[in-house]
Amino acid sequence: MRIATVPMRIAIIGAGAAGCFAAINLKRMCPQADVTIYESGRKPLAKVAVTGGGRCNLTNSFERVKSLAAVYPRGERLMKRLMHEFNQKDVCRWFESEGVRLVTQDDCCVFPQSQDAMEIVGTLTRLIHRNGIELKTGHRVVRIEHHGNCDGTAGYDIRFAGETSSVVTADAVIVTTGGSPKASGLDFLRPLDLKTTEPVPSLFSVCLPGDSIRELTGTVVEDATVALTGTKMRADGPLLITHWGLSGPAILKLSSYAARTLAENGYKATLSVNWTGDCNEADAQELLTGLAVKNPQKQLSSVYPTYLNARLWTHLLSRSGLTGNLRWNELGRKGMNRLVNTLTNSLYRMDGKNRFKEEFVTCGGVALDAINPQTLESRAHPGLYFAGEVLDVDAITGGFNLQAAWTMGFVAAKNIAKNIDGVTS
């Protein structure tokens, strides 16, 4: 039993998914605890309200996930450990027990049947009020300090900015402030001297200034593979052409895998796009040779792979140095080789990134070796816990980031509850 931490007054910093979920579960486990959520914004769960295009992709079935490393580029080992305690099935059961009907799409993403993120927001806020949890918005924390109480226990002073400038004391704190696009966003933790990892953006589309492909905005290829040249980083899935460059699930996954590498290079890189999905050059050549044999007298512009549209095919012909009025029987070996290379390895020069809607995600934050991976408690400061994206944990799109928030919020609450029960029982 750790008498040094008697968390009767629990402060949760941040009213996002992890914070609200932690508060509700903690209060259910320990009704006697005094739980208060402090949120810098004017509304709780603002990010949840816009996630999944306003439909709230609250988790994933994980049926197609072969390895957690494929969906959690940072924090895979931690998530593997924590999901033994609270996984995606537990999330679904939890929300369904609160009357939220869920549907699992063909892509394994789980949404509320209503397709309305506000149902999730409403469910959580209703439970906050029903369980007697105090929620204080407009309270931006500028400083957290660790001190010892006269009875020998630990405690924390939390200082706020602006009109709410004041100091409150808590026996335990769960920090759930989410990702910070700049290192300065973690300044409120500076008095605690915690090890942190420089935060950088993740989940973004890429800019291709001056490239003619941008004229094809709105074009979608359902199965493409993109890679960062000079690295082993690659991702597959639907690819969307935009008026600024490339986006869609394939690009967003790649941006997550390569977040730190791209940041270090000023978001300048060369991308390779395989428009055939995972076909290699031999497969692509077989496909094009089949088209040539069946349509020798037809022009290149009129016969092309069915998964491409006419405008994109014209673009790829141009990148291959070919004209659309050339006939298939006039292509020749060199022309065929150039076309095969373009289909499987089109190179585009990235120069800049574009934020993905409102779903801003960062990698970096409080370093994972600064916390106990079983409890999410700070190694240096008993009674101080972290959950969600404030830690150096982030995921690709598909409900995995929210799953991390639910999982970590639950685990942090459970371990604080153990300490309360251990002291009061």
Protein backbone atom coordinates (compact mmCIF):
# COMPACT_ATOMS: atom_id res chain seq x y z
CA MET A 1 0.00 0.00 0.00
CA ARG A 2 1.37 3.43 -0.95
CA ILE A 3 0.21 5.72 1.85
CA ALA A 4 2.20 8.51 0.15
CA THR A 5 -0.50 8.97 -2.44
CA VAL A 6 -4.04 9.30 -1.09
CA PRO A 7 -5.89 10.69 -4.13
CA MET A 8 -9.14 11.94 -2.64
CA ARG A 9 -9.17 15.17 -4.63
CA ILE A 10 -8.44 14.30 -8.24
CA ALA A 11 -7.85 16.97 -10.87
CA ILE A 12 -8.12 15.99 -14.51
CA ILE A 13 -6.47 18.46 -16.86
CA GLY A 14 -8.23 18.39 -20.21
CA ALA A 15 -11.84 17.56 -21.13
CA GLY A 16 -11.10 15.51 -24.21
CA ALA A 17 -11.86 11.84 -24.78
CA ALA A 18 -9.21 10.53 -22.36
CA GLY A 19 -10.00 13.04 -19.64
CA CYS A 20 -13.77 12.67 -19.66
CA PHE A 21 -13.56 8.87 -19.90
CA ALA A 22 -11.09 8.75 -17.00
CA ALA A 23 -13.31 10.98 -14.86
CA ILE A 24 -16.46 8.93 -15.43
CA ASN A 25 -14.80 5.59 -14.76
CA LEU A 26 -12.92 6.88 -11.73
CA LYS A 27 -16.08 8.27 -10.16
CA ARG A 28 -17.89 5.00 -10.80
CA MET A 29 -15.08 3.03 -9.18
CA CYS A 30 -14.75 5.46 -6.27
CA PRO A 31 -17.94 7.46 -5.69
CA GLN A 32 -16.33 9.05 -2.61
CA ALA A 33 -13.60 10.72 -4.69
CA ASP A 34 -13.81 14.44 -5.46
CA VAL A 35 -13.21 14.58 -9.22
CA THR A 36 -12.90 17.85 -11.16
CA ILE A 37 -12.12 18.30 -14.86
CA TYR A 38 -10.38 21.52 -15.93
CA GLU A 39 -10.64 22.43 -19.62
CA SER A 40 -8.92 25.39 -21.30
CA GLY A 41 -11.59 25.72 -24.01
CA ARG A 42 -15.23 26.69 -23.70
CA LYS A 43 -16.64 23.27 -24.55
CA PRO A 44 -15.64 19.75 -23.56
CA LEU A 45 -14.93 17.05 -26.13
CA ALA A 46 -14.49 19.55 -28.96
CA LYS A 47 -12.21 17.24 -30.91
CA VAL A 48 -14.52 14.25 -30.47
CA ALA A 49 -17.32 16.33 -31.98
CA VAL A 50 -15.46 16.65 -35.31
CA THR A 51 -13.64 13.34 -35.52
CA GLY A 52 -14.61 11.01 -38.34
CA GLY A 53 -16.05 13.90 -40.31
CA GLY A 54 -18.50 14.63 -37.50
CA ARG A 55 -19.58 10.98 -37.29
CA CYS A 56 -17.07 9.93 -34.59
CA ASN A 57 -15.01 6.91 -35.55
CA LEU A 58 -14.77 5.87 -31.89
CA THR A 59 -12.72 2.69 -32.38
CA ASN A 60 -11.82 -0.10 -34.80
CA SER A 61 -12.63 -3.82 -34.76
CA PHE A 62 -8.88 -4.51 -35.28
CA GLU A 63 -9.84 -7.52 -37.43
CA ARG A 64 -7.39 -6.54 -40.16
CA VAL A 65 -4.62 -5.37 -37.86
CA LYS A 66 -1.75 -7.83 -38.08
CA SER A 67 0.50 -5.89 -35.74
CA LEU A 68 -0.15 -2.94 -33.43
CA ALA A 69 3.02 -1.37 -34.84
CA ALA A 70 1.15 -0.92 -38.13
CA VAL A 71 -1.45 1.32 -36.48
CA TYR A 72 0.55 2.83 -33.59
CA PRO A 73 3.84 4.11 -35.04
CA ARG A 74 4.68 5.39 -31.57
CA GLY A 75 3.51 3.63 -28.43
CA GLU A 76 2.86 0.18 -29.85
CA ARG A 77 4.40 -1.69 -26.89
CA LEU A 78 2.54 0.43 -24.37
CA MET A 79 -0.77 -0.04 -26.15
CA LYS A 80 -0.24 -3.79 -26.40
CA ARG A 81 0.17 -3.93 -22.62
CA LEU A 82 -2.73 -1.61 -21.81
CA MET A 83 -5.22 -3.22 -24.17
CA HIS A 84 -5.03 -6.39 -22.13
CA GLU A 85 -6.92 -4.35 -19.53
CA PHE A 86 -9.31 -2.42 -21.76
CA ASN A 87 -9.53 -3.09 -25.50
CA GLN A 88 -11.79 -2.32 -28.44
CA LYS A 89 -14.40 -4.88 -27.40
CA ASP A 90 -14.53 -3.30 -23.96
CA VAL A 91 -15.06 0.11 -25.57
CA CYS A 92 -17.96 -1.17 -27.61
CA ARG A 93 -19.55 -2.86 -24.61
CA TRP A 94 -19.09 0.29 -22.54
CA PHE A 95 -20.87 2.59 -25.00
CA GLU A 96 -23.56 0.05 -25.85
CA SER A 97 -24.34 -0.29 -22.14
CA GLU A 98 -25.05 3.44 -22.19
CA GLY A 99 -27.55 3.04 -25.00
CA VAL A 100 -25.29 3.93 -27.92
CA ARG A 101 -25.90 1.60 -30.85
CA LEU A 102 -22.79 0.92 -32.89
CA VAL A 103 -22.07 -0.19 -36.43
CA THR A 104 -18.88 -1.64 -37.86
CA GLN A 105 -18.12 -0.67 -41.44
CA ASP A 106 -16.51 -2.87 -44.06
CA ASP A 107 -13.20 -1.10 -43.36
CA CYS A 108 -13.47 -2.18 -39.67
CA CYS A 109 -14.12 1.36 -38.42
CA VAL A 110 -16.72 1.55 -35.65
CA PHE A 111 -19.24 4.42 -35.58
CA PRO A 112 -22.40 5.20 -33.65
CA GLN A 113 -25.37 3.95 -35.65
CA SER A 114 -26.70 7.51 -35.65
CA GLN A 115 -23.58 8.60 -37.58
CA ASP A 116 -23.55 11.61 -35.27
CA ALA A 117 -20.52 12.43 -33.11
CA MET A 118 -22.73 14.51 -30.86
CA GLU A 119 -24.34 11.32 -29.57
CA ILE A 120 -20.95 10.35 -28.12
CA VAL A 121 -20.38 13.87 -26.80
CA GLY A 122 -23.84 13.93 -25.28
CA THR A 123 -23.44 10.52 -23.66
CA LEU A 124 -20.17 11.47 -21.99
CA THR A 125 -21.28 14.92 -20.84
CA ARG A 126 -24.51 13.47 -19.44
CA LEU A 127 -22.53 10.91 -17.45
CA ILE A 128 -20.18 13.60 -16.15
CA HIS A 129 -23.11 15.52 -14.68
CA ARG A 130 -24.98 12.41 -13.51
CA ASN A 131 -21.96 11.19 -11.54
CA GLY A 132 -21.38 14.50 -9.81
CA ILE A 133 -18.14 15.33 -11.60
CA GLU A 134 -17.39 19.03 -11.69
CA LEU A 135 -16.45 20.36 -15.12
CA LYS A 136 -14.78 23.77 -15.28
CA THR A 137 -14.24 25.18 -18.76
CA GLY A 138 -12.14 28.25 -19.57
CA HIS A 139 -9.47 27.06 -17.13
CA ARG A 140 -6.09 26.96 -18.83
CA VAL A 141 -3.40 25.42 -16.65
CA VAL A 142 -0.09 27.27 -16.76
CA ARG A 143 1.80 25.45 -14.03
CA ILE A 144 1.68 22.22 -12.02
CA GLU A 145 3.93 21.87 -8.98
CA HIS A 146 4.54 18.84 -6.80
CA HIS A 147 4.70 19.35 -3.04
CA GLY A 148 4.63 17.35 0.16
CA ASN A 149 1.76 17.70 2.61
CA CYS A 150 2.24 18.02 6.35
CA ASP A 151 0.87 14.51 6.82
CA GLY A 152 3.62 13.07 4.66
CA THR A 153 1.51 12.54 1.55
CA ALA A 154 2.16 14.09 -1.85
CA GLY A 155 0.05 16.75 -3.47
CA TYR A 156 -0.08 19.09 -6.45
CA ASP A 157 -0.67 22.81 -6.85
CA ILE A 158 -2.33 23.70 -10.14
CA ARG A 159 -2.18 27.30 -11.33
CA PHE A 160 -4.49 28.78 -13.97
CA ALA A 161 -4.15 31.71 -16.36
CA GLY A 162 -6.24 34.77 -17.12
CA GLU A 163 -9.45 35.66 -15.34
CA THR A 164 -9.44 32.29 -13.62
CA SER A 165 -5.97 32.95 -12.21
CA SER A 166 -5.93 30.94 -9.04
CA VAL A 167 -4.35 27.88 -7.47
CA VAL A 168 -6.10 24.65 -6.57
CA THR A 169 -4.62 21.70 -4.75
CA ALA A 170 -5.15 18.06 -5.67
CA ASP A 171 -4.01 14.78 -4.20
CA ALA A 172 -3.69 13.26 -7.66
CA VAL A 173 -3.67 14.60 -11.19
CA ILE A 174 -4.40 13.01 -14.55
CA VAL A 175 -2.99 15.07 -17.42
CA THR A 176 -5.06 14.55 -20.58
CA THR A 177 -4.38 17.76 -22.50
CA GLY A 178 -3.97 16.03 -25.87
CA GLY A 179 -1.30 16.64 -28.45
CA SER A 180 0.59 19.90 -28.67
CA PRO A 181 1.82 21.18 -32.03
CA LYS A 182 4.66 23.04 -30.29
CA ALA A 183 6.97 22.18 -27.42
CA SER A 184 5.74 25.30 -25.61
CA GLY A 185 2.39 23.56 -25.19
CA LEU A 186 4.05 21.42 -22.51
CA ASP A 187 5.49 24.36 -20.56
CA PHE A 188 2.94 23.90 -17.78
CA LEU A 189 4.79 20.69 -16.88
CA ARG A 190 8.20 22.37 -16.68
CA PRO A 191 8.34 22.58 -12.84
CA LEU A 192 8.07 18.79 -12.76
CA ASP A 193 11.22 18.34 -14.88
CA LEU A 194 9.70 15.53 -16.93
CA LYS A 195 11.41 13.99 -19.92
CA THR A 196 9.57 14.94 -23.10
CA THR A 197 9.90 14.25 -26.82
CA GLU A 198 9.66 17.18 -29.21
CA PRO A 199 6.11 17.24 -30.60
CA VAL A 200 5.61 17.41 -34.35
CA PRO A 201 2.45 17.12 -36.48
CA SER A 202 1.13 13.80 -37.67
CA LEU A 203 -1.80 12.92 -39.97
CA PHE A 204 -1.54 15.48 -42.76
CA SER A 205 -1.85 15.59 -46.52
CA VAL A 206 1.07 16.64 -48.71
CA CYS A 207 1.57 19.65 -50.95
CA LEU A 208 2.92 19.27 -54.48
CA PRO A 209 3.36 22.88 -55.60
CA GLY A 210 3.42 23.35 -59.36
CA ASP A 211 2.69 19.71 -60.20
CA SER A 212 0.11 19.21 -62.94
CA ILE A 213 -1.50 16.34 -61.01
CA ARG A 214 -3.28 18.96 -58.90
CA GLU A 215 -5.48 19.70 -61.92
CA LEU A 216 -7.13 16.32 -61.29
CA THR A 217 -8.56 17.39 -57.92
CA GLY A 218 -11.27 15.07 -56.66
CA THR A 219 -9.87 11.98 -58.38
CA VAL A 220 -9.71 8.92 -56.12
CA VAL A 221 -7.76 5.71 -56.70
CA GLU A 222 -9.14 3.08 -54.34
CA ASP A 223 -5.98 1.01 -54.02
CA ALA A 224 -2.60 2.73 -54.26
CA THR A 225 0.71 2.43 -52.46
CA VAL A 226 2.79 5.46 -51.48
CA ALA A 227 6.33 5.43 -50.17
CA LEU A 228 8.92 7.89 -48.93
CA THR A 229 11.93 7.36 -51.17
CA GLY A 230 15.18 6.54 -49.41
CA THR A 231 13.32 4.91 -46.53
CA LYS A 232 11.34 1.74 -45.87
CA MET A 233 8.24 3.77 -45.01
CA ARG A 234 5.23 2.94 -47.15
CA ALA A 235 1.45 2.82 -46.85
CA ASP A 236 -1.45 1.63 -48.94
CA GLY A 237 -5.13 2.39 -49.34
CA PRO A 238 -7.31 4.93 -51.16
CA LEU A 239 -5.47 7.95 -52.57
CA LEU A 240 -7.16 11.32 -53.15
CA ILE A 241 -5.85 14.01 -55.48
CA THR A 242 -6.52 17.52 -54.16
CA HIS A 243 -5.98 21.05 -55.44
CA TRP A 244 -2.87 21.26 -53.24
CA GLY A 245 -1.46 17.75 -53.79
CA LEU A 246 -2.26 14.32 -52.37
CA SER A 247 -4.41 13.13 -49.48
CA GLY A 248 -6.60 10.17 -48.52
CA PRO A 249 -5.96 7.23 -46.19
CA ALA A 250 -2.74 6.11 -47.91
CA ILE A 251 -1.13 9.55 -47.53
CA LEU A 252 -2.40 10.03 -43.99
CA LYS A 253 -0.95 6.68 -42.92
CA LEU A 254 2.38 7.53 -44.53
CA SER A 255 2.40 10.94 -42.81
CA SER A 256 1.93 9.17 -39.49
CA TYR A 257 4.74 6.67 -40.10
CA ALA A 258 7.08 9.39 -41.39
CA ALA A 259 5.98 12.26 -39.12
CA ARG A 260 9.33 12.82 -37.48
CA THR A 261 11.41 12.18 -40.61
CA LEU A 262 9.36 14.67 -42.62
CA ALA A 263 9.56 17.28 -39.86
CA GLU A 264 13.34 16.95 -39.71
CA ASN A 265 13.50 17.57 -43.47
CA GLY A 266 11.23 20.60 -43.46
CA TYR A 267 8.43 18.65 -45.17
CA LYS A 268 10.47 18.37 -48.34
CA ALA A 269 10.70 14.85 -49.73
CA THR A 270 10.21 12.69 -52.79
CA LEU A 271 7.16 10.44 -52.80
CA SER A 272 6.77 7.33 -54.90
CA VAL A 273 3.23 6.38 -55.93
CA ASN A 274 2.34 2.93 -57.20
CA TRP A 275 -1.00 3.47 -58.93
CA THR A 276 -1.55 -0.28 -59.27
CA GLY A 277 -1.66 -0.95 -55.50
CA ASP A 278 0.85 -3.63 -54.63
CA CYS A 279 1.61 -4.84 -58.16
CA ASN A 280 5.27 -5.00 -59.11
CA GLU A 281 6.70 -4.07 -62.51
CA ALA A 282 6.24 -7.58 -63.88
CA ASP A 283 2.56 -7.59 -62.90
CA ALA A 284 2.03 -4.14 -64.39
CA GLN A 285 3.76 -5.14 -67.62
CA GLU A 286 1.55 -8.21 -67.90
CA LEU A 287 -1.53 -6.03 -67.43
CA LEU A 288 -0.48 -3.49 -70.08
CA THR A 289 0.67 -6.17 -72.49
CA GLY A 290 -2.77 -7.75 -72.23
CA LEU A 291 -4.38 -4.43 -73.15
CA ALA A 292 -2.01 -4.01 -76.10
CA VAL A 293 -2.70 -7.52 -77.44
CA LYS A 294 -6.48 -7.07 -77.22
CA ASN A 295 -6.52 -3.51 -78.60
CA PRO A 296 -3.60 -3.14 -81.05
CA GLN A 297 -5.30 -0.54 -83.28
CA LYS A 298 -6.81 1.56 -80.51
CA GLN A 299 -5.23 4.71 -79.15
CA LEU A 300 -3.58 4.70 -75.75
CA SER A 301 -6.01 7.35 -74.54
CA SER A 302 -9.05 5.15 -75.14
CA VAL A 303 -7.93 1.92 -73.45
CA TYR A 304 -6.54 1.86 -69.93
CA PRO A 305 -6.79 -0.04 -66.61
CA THR A 306 -10.34 0.05 -65.26
CA TYR A 307 -9.33 1.36 -61.82
CA LEU A 308 -8.04 4.61 -63.37
CA ASN A 309 -10.14 7.36 -64.90
CA ALA A 310 -9.46 9.03 -68.24
CA ARG A 311 -7.97 12.21 -66.78
CA LEU A 312 -5.52 10.39 -64.53
CA TRP A 313 -4.55 8.01 -67.34
CA THR A 314 -3.80 11.01 -69.58
CA HIS A 315 -1.66 12.47 -66.81
CA LEU A 316 0.28 9.21 -66.47
CA LEU A 317 0.80 9.00 -70.23
CA SER A 318 2.21 12.51 -70.19
CA ARG A 319 4.55 11.65 -67.32
CA SER A 320 5.75 8.72 -69.42
CA GLY A 321 6.50 11.00 -72.36
CA LEU A 322 3.70 9.45 -74.43
CA THR A 323 0.81 10.97 -76.36
CA GLY A 324 -2.73 9.68 -76.15
CA ASN A 325 -3.15 9.37 -79.93
CA LEU A 326 -0.40 6.75 -80.13
CA ARG A 327 -1.78 3.29 -80.91
CA TRP A 328 -1.05 0.34 -78.65
CA ASN A 329 0.78 -1.55 -81.43
CA GLU A 330 3.04 1.50 -81.86
CA LEU A 331 4.09 1.68 -78.23
CA GLY A 332 7.34 -0.29 -78.52
CA ARG A 333 9.44 -1.79 -75.78
CA LYS A 334 10.92 1.49 -74.51
CA GLY A 335 7.52 3.13 -74.37
CA MET A 336 6.09 0.14 -72.54
CA ASN A 337 8.93 0.21 -70.00
CA ARG A 338 8.39 3.92 -69.34
CA LEU A 339 4.67 3.40 -68.88
CA VAL A 340 5.20 0.45 -66.52
CA ASN A 341 7.64 2.53 -64.46
CA THR A 342 5.18 5.42 -64.26
CA LEU A 343 2.35 3.15 -63.15
CA THR A 344 4.40 1.54 -60.39
CA ASN A 345 6.81 4.31 -59.40
CA SER A 346 5.60 7.82 -60.18
CA LEU A 347 7.78 10.32 -58.34
CA TYR A 348 6.34 13.54 -56.88
CA ARG A 349 8.21 16.27 -55.06
CA MET A 350 6.58 17.11 -51.74
CA ASP A 351 7.10 20.64 -50.46
CA GLY A 352 4.93 21.35 -47.45
CA LYS A 353 2.01 19.78 -45.63
CA ASN A 354 -1.64 20.55 -45.22
CA ARG A 355 -3.59 19.95 -42.02
CA PHE A 356 -6.15 17.16 -42.25
CA LYS A 357 -9.47 18.89 -41.53
CA GLU A 358 -9.90 19.54 -37.80
CA GLU A 359 -8.39 16.21 -36.77
CA PHE A 360 -5.03 17.54 -35.70
CA VAL A 361 -2.75 14.84 -34.29
CA THR A 362 0.80 15.13 -33.06
CA CYS A 363 3.54 12.68 -32.23
CA GLY A 364 5.78 13.47 -29.31
CA GLY A 365 4.90 14.66 -25.82
CA VAL A 366 5.74 13.17 -22.44
CA ALA A 367 8.30 10.43 -23.02
CA LEU A 368 7.07 6.90 -22.40
CA ASP A 369 10.05 5.97 -20.27
CA ALA A 370 8.99 8.74 -17.84
CA ILE A 371 5.89 6.77 -16.83
CA ASN A 372 5.13 3.36 -15.37
CA PRO A 373 3.74 1.42 -18.37
CA GLN A 374 1.43 -0.62 -16.16
CA THR A 375 -0.25 2.29 -14.38
CA LEU A 376 0.52 5.40 -16.49
CA GLU A 377 1.82 7.06 -13.32
CA SER A 378 4.89 9.29 -13.45
CA ARG A 379 8.00 7.47 -12.27
CA ALA A 380 9.26 10.64 -10.58
CA HIS A 381 6.02 12.03 -9.16
CA PRO A 382 3.61 9.68 -7.34
CA GLY A 383 -0.02 10.56 -7.95
CA LEU A 384 0.65 12.17 -11.33
CA TYR A 385 -0.81 10.25 -14.28
CA PHE A 386 -0.91 10.78 -18.03
CA ALA A 387 -3.41 9.53 -20.59
CA GLY A 388 -4.02 10.14 -24.26
CA GLU A 389 -2.08 12.06 -26.84
CA VAL A 390 -0.14 14.15 -24.30
CA LEU A 391 2.05 11.04 -24.15
CA ASP A 392 4.28 10.08 -27.07
CA VAL A 393 1.59 7.79 -28.46
CA ASP A 394 -0.29 8.36 -31.71
CA ALA A 395 -1.94 6.34 -34.41
CA ILE A 396 -3.04 6.28 -38.02
CA THR A 397 -6.64 7.09 -38.93
CA GLY A 398 -9.35 4.52 -38.42
CA GLY A 399 -10.46 4.97 -34.80
CA PHE A 400 -7.10 4.00 -33.31
CA ASN A 401 -6.35 7.36 -31.68
CA LEU A 402 -9.68 7.40 -29.87
CA GLN A 403 -9.14 3.78 -28.83
CA ALA A 404 -5.86 4.87 -27.23
CA ALA A 405 -7.69 7.66 -25.39
CA TRP A 406 -10.40 5.34 -24.02
CA THR A 407 -7.85 2.69 -23.04
CA MET A 408 -5.45 5.02 -21.27
CA GLY A 409 -8.22 7.00 -19.59
CA PHE A 410 -9.65 3.78 -18.16
CA VAL A 411 -6.28 2.41 -17.01
CA ALA A 412 -5.30 5.68 -15.28
CA ALA A 413 -8.68 5.78 -13.49
CA LYS A 414 -8.38 2.15 -12.44
CA ASN A 415 -4.97 2.64 -10.89
CA ILE A 416 -5.94 5.76 -8.98
CA ALA A 417 -9.00 3.87 -7.72
CA LYS A 418 -6.75 1.06 -6.46
CA ASN A 419 -4.83 3.56 -4.35
CA ILE A 420 -7.99 5.07 -2.91
CA ASP A 421 -9.40 1.64 -2.08
CA GLY A 422 -6.07 0.53 -0.65
CA VAL A 423 -6.06 3.43 1.81
CA THR A 424 -9.74 3.64 2.68
CA SER A 425 -10.53 -0.07 2.93
